[in-house]
Every structure is written in C-alpha cells, then in structure tokens.
C-alpha cells in the first residue's frame, strides 16, 4: 500500500476557538474579544494557545491565513 505524502488533517477547531480566531483576524485585542464573548482575557489566551497547538503556524498572521484557506 503506498504511503500518502499528504499530511493528516489537523484536529478541528471548536466553535469557540473559531470565534476567537475570527475576532483576532478582525483585529480585536484580547480584552475586546473577552468583552464580546463574555469570557476573561485569560480564557481568550487559553483558546489561542489551543488553536496554536492544533495548527502549526509561527505567527497569528499565519494562523489566520491557514484558517482562511481551510474555509475556502
């Protein structure tokens, strides 16, 4: 059986992780995101850390780009 050179699909982002990433992409600060979602700034940071663990990207800009290309 041939081994595929394509990497396996990355783990899916949760609904809340997608919300946080969308707000980051819109240019909101962690504090603004926290207020909009009714969560703490620490929780926003936690979601961003989880997103980074699921997606290999050195910067937030890369994360946003990866997310955009996955959704297109």
N, C-alpha and C. Protein backbone atom coordinates (compact mmCIF):
# COMPACT_ATOMS: atom_id res chain seq x y z
N UNK A 1 0.83 -1.17 0.00
CA UNK A 1 0.00 0.00 0.00
C UNK A 1 0.88 1.24 0.00
N UNK A 2 0.68 2.19 -0.95
CA UNK A 2 1.53 3.38 -0.98
C UNK A 2 1.22 4.31 0.20
N UNK A 3 2.28 4.93 0.67
CA UNK A 3 2.13 5.88 1.77
C UNK A 3 1.84 7.25 1.17
N UNK A 4 0.79 7.88 1.63
CA UNK A 4 0.43 9.19 1.13
C UNK A 4 1.40 10.24 1.65
N UNK A 5 1.78 11.15 0.77
CA UNK A 5 2.69 12.22 1.19
C UNK A 5 1.91 13.38 1.81
N UNK A 6 0.60 13.32 1.71
CA UNK A 6 -0.23 14.38 2.27
C UNK A 6 -0.35 14.21 3.77
N UNK A 7 -0.11 15.30 4.54
CA UNK A 7 -0.21 15.17 5.99
C UNK A 7 -1.66 14.94 6.42
N UNK A 8 -1.84 14.27 7.55
CA UNK A 8 -3.21 14.02 8.01
C UNK A 8 -3.89 15.34 8.34
N UNK A 9 -5.22 15.31 8.31
CA UNK A 9 -5.98 16.51 8.63
C UNK A 9 -5.70 16.95 10.06
N UNK A 10 -5.50 18.25 10.26
CA UNK A 10 -5.28 18.73 11.62
C UNK A 10 -6.58 18.62 12.43
N UNK A 11 -6.49 18.56 13.74
CA UNK A 11 -7.69 18.48 14.56
C UNK A 11 -8.58 19.69 14.30
N UNK A 12 -9.86 19.47 14.31
CA UNK A 12 -10.82 20.55 14.06
C UNK A 12 -10.82 21.54 15.22
N UNK A 13 -11.04 22.81 14.88
CA UNK A 13 -11.19 23.82 15.90
C UNK A 13 -12.61 23.78 16.44
N UNK A 14 -12.74 24.03 17.73
CA UNK A 14 -14.09 24.09 18.33
C UNK A 14 -14.78 25.37 17.87
N UNK A 15 -16.06 25.44 18.11
CA UNK A 15 -16.84 26.63 17.75
C UNK A 15 -16.24 27.87 18.40
N UNK A 16 -15.93 27.80 19.68
CA UNK A 16 -15.39 28.94 20.41
C UNK A 16 -14.00 29.31 19.90
N UNK A 17 -13.18 28.32 19.56
CA UNK A 17 -11.86 28.60 19.00
C UNK A 17 -11.99 29.33 17.67
N UNK A 18 -12.95 28.92 16.85
CA UNK A 18 -13.19 29.61 15.58
C UNK A 18 -13.65 31.04 15.82
N UNK A 19 -14.49 31.24 16.84
CA UNK A 19 -14.94 32.60 17.16
C UNK A 19 -13.75 33.48 17.55
N UNK A 20 -12.91 32.98 18.44
CA UNK A 20 -11.75 33.74 18.89
C UNK A 20 -10.85 34.05 17.70
N UNK A 21 -10.59 33.08 16.85
CA UNK A 21 -9.72 33.30 15.69
C UNK A 21 -10.34 34.33 14.74
N UNK A 22 -11.64 34.29 14.56
CA UNK A 22 -12.31 35.27 13.71
C UNK A 22 -12.15 36.68 14.27
N UNK A 23 -12.27 36.82 15.58
CA UNK A 23 -12.11 38.13 16.21
C UNK A 23 -10.65 38.60 16.11
N UNK A 24 -9.71 37.68 16.26
CA UNK A 24 -8.29 38.02 16.10
C UNK A 24 -8.06 38.50 14.67
N UNK A 25 -8.65 37.80 13.70
CA UNK A 25 -8.49 38.17 12.30
C UNK A 25 -9.09 39.54 12.01
N UNK A 26 -10.13 39.90 12.77
CA UNK A 26 -10.78 41.21 12.60
C UNK A 26 -9.98 42.33 13.27
N UNK A 27 -8.91 41.95 13.97
CA UNK A 27 -8.04 42.95 14.57
C UNK A 27 -8.37 43.34 16.00
N UNK A 28 -9.24 42.57 16.66
CA UNK A 28 -9.60 42.88 18.03
C UNK A 28 -8.51 42.45 18.99
N UNK A 29 -8.40 43.16 20.09
CA UNK A 29 -7.45 42.80 21.13
C UNK A 29 -8.04 41.69 21.98
N UNK A 30 -7.20 41.07 22.81
CA UNK A 30 -7.68 40.02 23.70
C UNK A 30 -8.76 40.57 24.64
N UNK A 31 -8.59 41.78 25.10
CA UNK A 31 -9.56 42.41 26.00
C UNK A 31 -10.90 42.64 25.29
N UNK A 32 -10.86 43.10 24.05
CA UNK A 32 -12.08 43.32 23.29
C UNK A 32 -12.81 42.00 23.01
N UNK A 33 -12.04 40.98 22.67
CA UNK A 33 -12.63 39.66 22.42
C UNK A 33 -13.29 39.14 23.68
N UNK A 34 -12.60 39.27 24.80
CA UNK A 34 -13.13 38.81 26.08
C UNK A 34 -14.47 39.48 26.37
N UNK A 35 -14.54 40.78 26.18
CA UNK A 35 -15.79 41.50 26.44
C UNK A 35 -16.90 41.03 25.51
N UNK A 36 -16.60 40.87 24.24
CA UNK A 36 -17.62 40.45 23.27
C UNK A 36 -18.15 39.04 23.54
N UNK A 37 -17.26 38.16 23.98
CA UNK A 37 -17.66 36.78 24.19
C UNK A 37 -18.08 36.49 25.63
N UNK A 38 -17.91 37.47 26.51
CA UNK A 38 -18.28 37.28 27.91
C UNK A 38 -17.39 36.30 28.65
N UNK A 39 -16.10 36.35 28.32
CA UNK A 39 -15.11 35.48 28.95
C UNK A 39 -13.95 36.34 29.44
N UNK A 40 -13.04 35.76 30.18
CA UNK A 40 -11.89 36.53 30.67
C UNK A 40 -10.80 36.61 29.60
N UNK A 41 -9.92 37.58 29.78
CA UNK A 41 -8.77 37.73 28.88
C UNK A 41 -7.90 36.47 28.95
N UNK A 42 -7.78 35.90 30.15
CA UNK A 42 -7.00 34.67 30.31
C UNK A 42 -7.60 33.54 29.47
N UNK A 43 -8.92 33.46 29.42
CA UNK A 43 -9.58 32.41 28.62
C UNK A 43 -9.34 32.63 27.14
N UNK A 44 -9.33 33.88 26.70
CA UNK A 44 -9.01 34.17 25.29
C UNK A 44 -7.61 33.65 24.99
N UNK A 45 -6.66 33.91 25.88
CA UNK A 45 -5.29 33.43 25.70
C UNK A 45 -5.23 31.91 25.66
N UNK A 46 -6.04 31.28 26.50
CA UNK A 46 -6.10 29.81 26.52
C UNK A 46 -6.61 29.28 25.19
N UNK A 47 -7.68 29.88 24.66
CA UNK A 47 -8.20 29.45 23.36
C UNK A 47 -7.15 29.63 22.28
N UNK A 48 -6.43 30.75 22.30
CA UNK A 48 -5.40 30.97 21.30
C UNK A 48 -4.29 29.94 21.43
N UNK A 49 -3.92 29.59 22.64
CA UNK A 49 -2.90 28.54 22.87
C UNK A 49 -3.38 27.21 22.31
N UNK A 50 -4.66 26.88 22.52
CA UNK A 50 -5.21 25.63 21.99
C UNK A 50 -5.21 25.63 20.46
N UNK A 51 -5.56 26.79 19.88
CA UNK A 51 -5.56 26.91 18.42
C UNK A 51 -4.15 26.66 17.89
N UNK A 52 -3.16 27.27 18.54
CA UNK A 52 -1.77 27.09 18.11
C UNK A 52 -1.31 25.65 18.25
N UNK A 53 -1.84 24.93 19.24
CA UNK A 53 -1.44 23.53 19.39
C UNK A 53 -2.06 22.66 18.30
N UNK A 54 -3.16 23.11 17.73
CA UNK A 54 -3.82 22.35 16.67
C UNK A 54 -3.33 22.73 15.28
N UNK A 55 -2.79 23.92 15.15
CA UNK A 55 -2.30 24.40 13.86
C UNK A 55 -0.84 24.81 14.00
N UNK A 56 -0.01 24.35 13.08
CA UNK A 56 1.40 24.72 13.10
C UNK A 56 1.54 26.03 12.35
N UNK A 57 1.74 27.10 13.10
CA UNK A 57 1.92 28.42 12.49
C UNK A 57 2.78 29.26 13.43
N UNK A 58 3.82 29.87 12.88
CA UNK A 58 4.72 30.64 13.74
C UNK A 58 4.14 31.97 14.23
N UNK A 59 3.17 32.52 13.51
CA UNK A 59 2.60 33.81 13.90
C UNK A 59 1.08 33.77 13.81
N UNK A 60 0.45 34.77 14.40
CA UNK A 60 -1.00 34.88 14.32
C UNK A 60 -1.42 35.09 12.86
N UNK A 61 -0.64 35.85 12.12
CA UNK A 61 -0.96 36.07 10.70
C UNK A 61 -1.00 34.74 9.94
N UNK A 62 -0.07 33.84 10.24
CA UNK A 62 -0.08 32.52 9.60
C UNK A 62 -1.32 31.73 10.02
N UNK A 63 -1.69 31.82 11.30
CA UNK A 63 -2.89 31.13 11.77
C UNK A 63 -4.12 31.60 11.01
N UNK A 64 -4.23 32.91 10.85
CA UNK A 64 -5.38 33.48 10.15
C UNK A 64 -5.39 33.01 8.70
N UNK A 65 -4.21 33.02 8.07
CA UNK A 65 -4.11 32.56 6.68
C UNK A 65 -4.50 31.09 6.56
N UNK A 66 -3.97 30.25 7.45
CA UNK A 66 -4.32 28.83 7.43
C UNK A 66 -5.82 28.62 7.60
N UNK A 67 -6.39 29.33 8.54
CA UNK A 67 -7.82 29.21 8.80
C UNK A 67 -8.63 29.63 7.58
N UNK A 68 -8.20 30.70 6.94
CA UNK A 68 -8.90 31.19 5.76
C UNK A 68 -8.83 30.17 4.62
N UNK A 69 -7.67 29.60 4.40
CA UNK A 69 -7.53 28.64 3.30
C UNK A 69 -8.28 27.35 3.58
N UNK A 70 -8.43 26.98 4.85
CA UNK A 70 -9.19 25.78 5.20
C UNK A 70 -10.68 25.98 4.96
N UNK A 71 -11.16 27.21 5.12
CA UNK A 71 -12.58 27.50 5.00
C UNK A 71 -13.00 27.88 3.60
N UNK A 72 -12.05 28.02 2.67
CA UNK A 72 -12.39 28.39 1.30
C UNK A 72 -12.68 27.18 0.44
